[in-house]
């Protein structure tokens, strides 16, 4: 019996057979061979590639008095290679890099938006592409006022970031989902959550 794969109904249905590192640069790409027990009890050996780049955070700042949100626009080479022009409108986001999600998103807000976050609302965690990527994002909302933007933002220059800051109304941003101007999953999730929160009056 493969390690980690036993016969009881409460035992994990998977047993890792082998794991091979294919690349270890910005993230780690592995080929994983595993035995998976199906619902009918049969065990099937499968092979998948898993990309591990750590866990991340995403934030949508919202000014409830003016009805505005802060977003960013930046170039994304994977989107470009998939046929998009590569310039994606997104929520502020980044990697945890060993920090707590709260500390990580505060740092990203200052770097990308020049925003000093006063109070965070932690919403939920979600795997964004669980078929191949191990990354889990923690999502946040935060109220802001114009005076909270005390730095230019634009991203970390040493990391090759060239980030344009966009301030738009929540209604306008939500409409950009329908037009395709916003095509980033984490941003759509945050805008939908903020829209529901706004409509609920909380």
Protein backbone atom coordinates (compact mmCIF):
# COMPACT_ATOMS: atom_id res chain seq x y z
CA UNK A 1 0.00 0.00 0.00
CA UNK A 2 1.35 3.42 -0.95
CA UNK A 3 2.23 5.70 1.97
CA UNK A 4 -0.72 7.83 2.97
CA UNK A 5 -3.30 5.65 1.21
CA UNK A 6 -5.09 3.27 3.57
CA UNK A 7 -8.34 1.38 3.43
CA UNK A 8 -10.55 3.13 5.99
CA UNK A 9 -13.28 5.55 4.96
CA UNK A 10 -11.72 8.33 7.06
CA UNK A 11 -8.22 7.90 5.62
CA UNK A 12 -6.90 10.35 3.01
CA UNK A 13 -7.79 9.12 -0.48
CA UNK A 14 -4.36 9.98 -1.86
CA UNK A 15 -0.87 8.58 -1.50
CA UNK A 16 2.13 10.41 -2.93
CA UNK A 17 4.36 8.05 -4.92
CA UNK A 18 7.03 10.52 -6.05
CA UNK A 19 7.71 14.23 -6.48
CA UNK A 20 10.26 15.62 -8.94
CA UNK A 21 11.31 19.28 -9.20
CA UNK A 22 11.17 20.40 -12.83
CA UNK A 23 12.03 24.06 -12.24
CA UNK A 24 12.80 26.19 -9.19
CA UNK A 25 13.16 29.82 -10.23
CA UNK A 26 10.44 32.38 -9.41
CA UNK A 27 8.31 29.50 -8.17
CA UNK A 28 8.70 25.74 -7.93
CA UNK A 29 7.26 23.48 -10.62
CA UNK A 30 6.97 19.81 -9.61
CA UNK A 31 5.82 16.62 -11.28
CA UNK A 32 3.83 14.63 -8.72
CA UNK A 33 2.91 10.97 -9.12
CA UNK A 34 0.17 9.82 -6.76
CA UNK A 35 -2.37 7.08 -6.17
CA UNK A 36 -5.94 8.33 -5.81
CA UNK A 37 -8.76 6.25 -4.41
CA UNK A 38 -12.08 7.00 -6.11
CA UNK A 39 -15.53 6.91 -4.56
CA UNK A 40 -15.96 3.35 -5.80
CA UNK A 41 -12.85 2.27 -3.87
CA UNK A 42 -10.65 1.72 -6.90
CA UNK A 43 -7.13 3.17 -6.83
CA UNK A 44 -5.81 4.97 -9.91
CA UNK A 45 -2.25 6.21 -10.41
CA UNK A 46 -2.12 9.76 -11.78
CA UNK A 47 0.58 12.28 -12.70
CA UNK A 48 0.15 16.05 -12.42
CA UNK A 49 2.37 19.13 -12.51
CA UNK A 50 2.01 21.50 -9.56
CA UNK A 51 3.25 25.10 -9.49
CA UNK A 52 4.08 26.43 -6.01
CA UNK A 53 4.73 30.18 -5.73
CA UNK A 54 3.58 30.62 -2.14
CA UNK A 55 0.35 32.21 -0.93
CA UNK A 56 -0.93 35.68 -1.68
CA UNK A 57 -3.24 38.52 -0.71
CA UNK A 58 -5.64 40.86 -2.51
CA UNK A 59 -7.29 44.11 -1.42
CA UNK A 60 -10.07 46.36 -2.66
CA UNK A 61 -10.02 49.80 -1.00
CA UNK A 62 -13.48 51.44 -1.03
CA UNK A 63 -14.43 55.00 -0.15
CA UNK A 64 -18.06 54.69 1.02
CA UNK A 65 -18.64 58.47 1.03
CA UNK A 66 -17.61 59.00 -2.60
CA UNK A 67 -18.48 55.49 -3.80
CA UNK A 68 -15.02 54.99 -5.28
CA UNK A 69 -12.56 52.10 -5.37
CA UNK A 70 -8.82 51.94 -6.01
CA UNK A 71 -7.52 49.56 -8.68
CA UNK A 72 -4.27 49.17 -10.60
CA UNK A 73 -3.35 48.57 -14.24
CA UNK A 74 -0.20 46.65 -15.12
CA UNK A 75 1.24 44.41 -17.81
CA UNK A 76 0.94 40.63 -17.35
CA UNK A 77 2.96 38.46 -19.72
CA UNK A 78 0.86 35.27 -19.20
CA UNK A 79 -2.29 37.15 -20.26
CA UNK A 80 -0.43 38.56 -23.27
CA UNK A 81 0.72 35.08 -24.28
CA UNK A 82 -2.91 33.94 -24.07
CA UNK A 83 -4.05 36.51 -26.63
CA UNK A 84 -4.93 39.46 -24.36
CA UNK A 85 -3.12 42.78 -24.79
CA UNK A 86 -1.55 42.08 -21.40
CA UNK A 87 -2.66 45.28 -19.66
CA UNK A 88 -4.90 44.04 -16.84
CA UNK A 89 -6.99 46.11 -14.45
CA UNK A 90 -6.65 44.44 -11.08
CA UNK A 91 -7.09 44.76 -7.36
CA UNK A 92 -3.97 45.51 -5.34
CA UNK A 93 -2.31 42.16 -4.63
CA UNK A 94 0.95 40.44 -3.83
CA UNK A 95 2.68 37.53 -2.14
CA UNK A 96 2.87 36.90 1.59
CA UNK A 97 6.61 36.10 1.48
CA UNK A 98 6.62 34.83 5.07
CA UNK A 99 4.47 37.67 6.44
CA UNK A 100 0.97 37.38 7.83
CA UNK A 101 -1.70 38.17 5.23
CA UNK A 102 -2.55 41.38 7.08
CA UNK A 103 1.07 42.60 7.13
CA UNK A 104 1.58 41.54 3.52
CA UNK A 105 -1.43 43.42 2.16
CA UNK A 106 -0.62 46.58 4.12
CA UNK A 107 2.85 46.52 2.52
CA UNK A 108 1.40 45.98 -0.95
CA UNK A 109 -1.11 48.80 -0.48
CA UNK A 110 1.69 51.24 0.32
CA UNK A 111 3.90 50.04 -2.55
CA UNK A 112 1.23 49.84 -5.25
CA UNK A 113 -1.32 52.48 -4.19
CA UNK A 114 0.61 54.77 -1.83
CA UNK A 115 -2.20 53.96 0.60
CA UNK A 116 -1.92 53.75 4.36
CA UNK A 117 -4.58 51.22 5.33
CA UNK A 118 -6.35 52.13 8.56
CA UNK A 119 -8.63 49.14 9.07
CA UNK A 120 -8.81 45.88 7.15
CA UNK A 121 -11.82 43.61 6.76
CA UNK A 122 -10.69 40.04 6.12
CA UNK A 123 -13.22 38.36 3.85
CA UNK A 124 -12.24 34.82 2.86
CA UNK A 125 -9.53 32.58 1.42
CA UNK A 126 -9.69 30.89 -1.98
CA UNK A 127 -7.59 28.72 -4.25
CA UNK A 128 -7.48 30.52 -7.60
CA UNK A 129 -6.44 27.69 -9.94
CA UNK A 130 -6.39 24.49 -7.85
CA UNK A 131 -5.95 22.18 -10.83
CA UNK A 132 -2.32 23.22 -11.23
CA UNK A 133 -1.36 26.03 -8.80
CA UNK A 134 -1.09 25.62 -5.02
CA UNK A 135 -1.45 29.35 -4.30
CA UNK A 136 -4.21 30.41 -1.90
CA UNK A 137 -5.29 34.06 -1.74
CA UNK A 138 -6.60 35.90 1.30
CA UNK A 139 -9.09 38.61 0.29
CA UNK A 140 -9.58 41.94 2.06
CA UNK A 141 -11.73 45.05 1.87
CA UNK A 142 -10.71 48.36 3.44
CA UNK A 143 -12.37 51.75 3.67
CA UNK A 144 -10.19 54.69 2.67
CA UNK A 145 -10.32 58.47 2.36
CA UNK A 146 -8.36 60.65 -0.12
CA UNK A 147 -5.99 61.77 2.64
CA UNK A 148 -4.97 58.15 3.27
CA UNK A 149 -3.02 58.23 -0.01
CA UNK A 150 0.19 59.77 1.30
CA UNK A 151 2.73 58.29 -1.16
CA UNK A 152 2.93 58.03 -4.95
CA UNK A 153 2.63 54.23 -5.13
CA UNK A 154 3.29 52.66 -8.51
CA UNK A 155 4.93 49.47 -7.26
CA UNK A 156 8.38 48.40 -6.13
CA UNK A 157 10.89 49.68 -8.66
CA UNK A 158 13.40 46.99 -7.78
CA UNK A 159 10.86 44.32 -8.74
CA UNK A 160 10.28 45.68 -12.24
CA UNK A 161 6.79 46.94 -11.41
CA UNK A 162 5.27 49.78 -13.43
CA UNK A 163 1.79 50.19 -11.94
CA UNK A 164 -0.83 52.76 -12.90
CA UNK A 165 -3.29 53.63 -10.14
CA UNK A 166 -6.95 53.91 -11.11
CA UNK A 167 -9.66 55.50 -8.99
CA UNK A 168 -13.16 54.87 -10.27
CA UNK A 169 -16.62 54.45 -8.85
CA UNK A 170 -17.72 51.02 -7.72
CA UNK A 171 -20.54 51.14 -10.28
CA UNK A 172 -18.12 51.97 -13.10
CA UNK A 173 -15.71 49.23 -12.03
CA UNK A 174 -18.54 46.73 -11.83
CA UNK A 175 -19.66 47.69 -15.35
CA UNK A 176 -16.09 47.07 -16.60
CA UNK A 177 -16.58 43.38 -15.78
CA UNK A 178 -19.40 43.20 -18.31
CA UNK A 179 -17.40 44.99 -21.01
CA UNK A 180 -14.37 42.79 -20.50
CA UNK A 181 -12.18 45.70 -19.36
CA UNK A 182 -11.76 43.83 -16.08
CA UNK A 183 -10.88 40.20 -16.74
CA UNK A 184 -8.94 39.31 -13.59
CA UNK A 185 -10.62 36.73 -11.34
CA UNK A 186 -9.56 38.07 -7.94
CA UNK A 187 -10.69 41.56 -8.90
CA UNK A 188 -14.07 40.34 -10.11
CA UNK A 189 -14.56 38.44 -6.84
CA UNK A 190 -13.73 41.51 -4.74
CA UNK A 191 -15.91 43.85 -6.78
CA UNK A 192 -18.85 41.47 -6.56
CA UNK A 193 -18.39 41.18 -2.80
CA UNK A 194 -18.15 44.96 -2.41
CA UNK A 195 -21.20 45.45 -4.59
CA UNK A 196 -23.25 43.07 -2.47
CA UNK A 197 -22.00 44.74 0.71
CA UNK A 198 -22.86 48.17 -0.68
CA UNK A 199 -26.35 47.11 -1.75
CA UNK A 200 -26.91 45.55 1.67
CA UNK A 201 -25.93 48.85 3.28
CA UNK A 202 -23.27 47.31 5.54
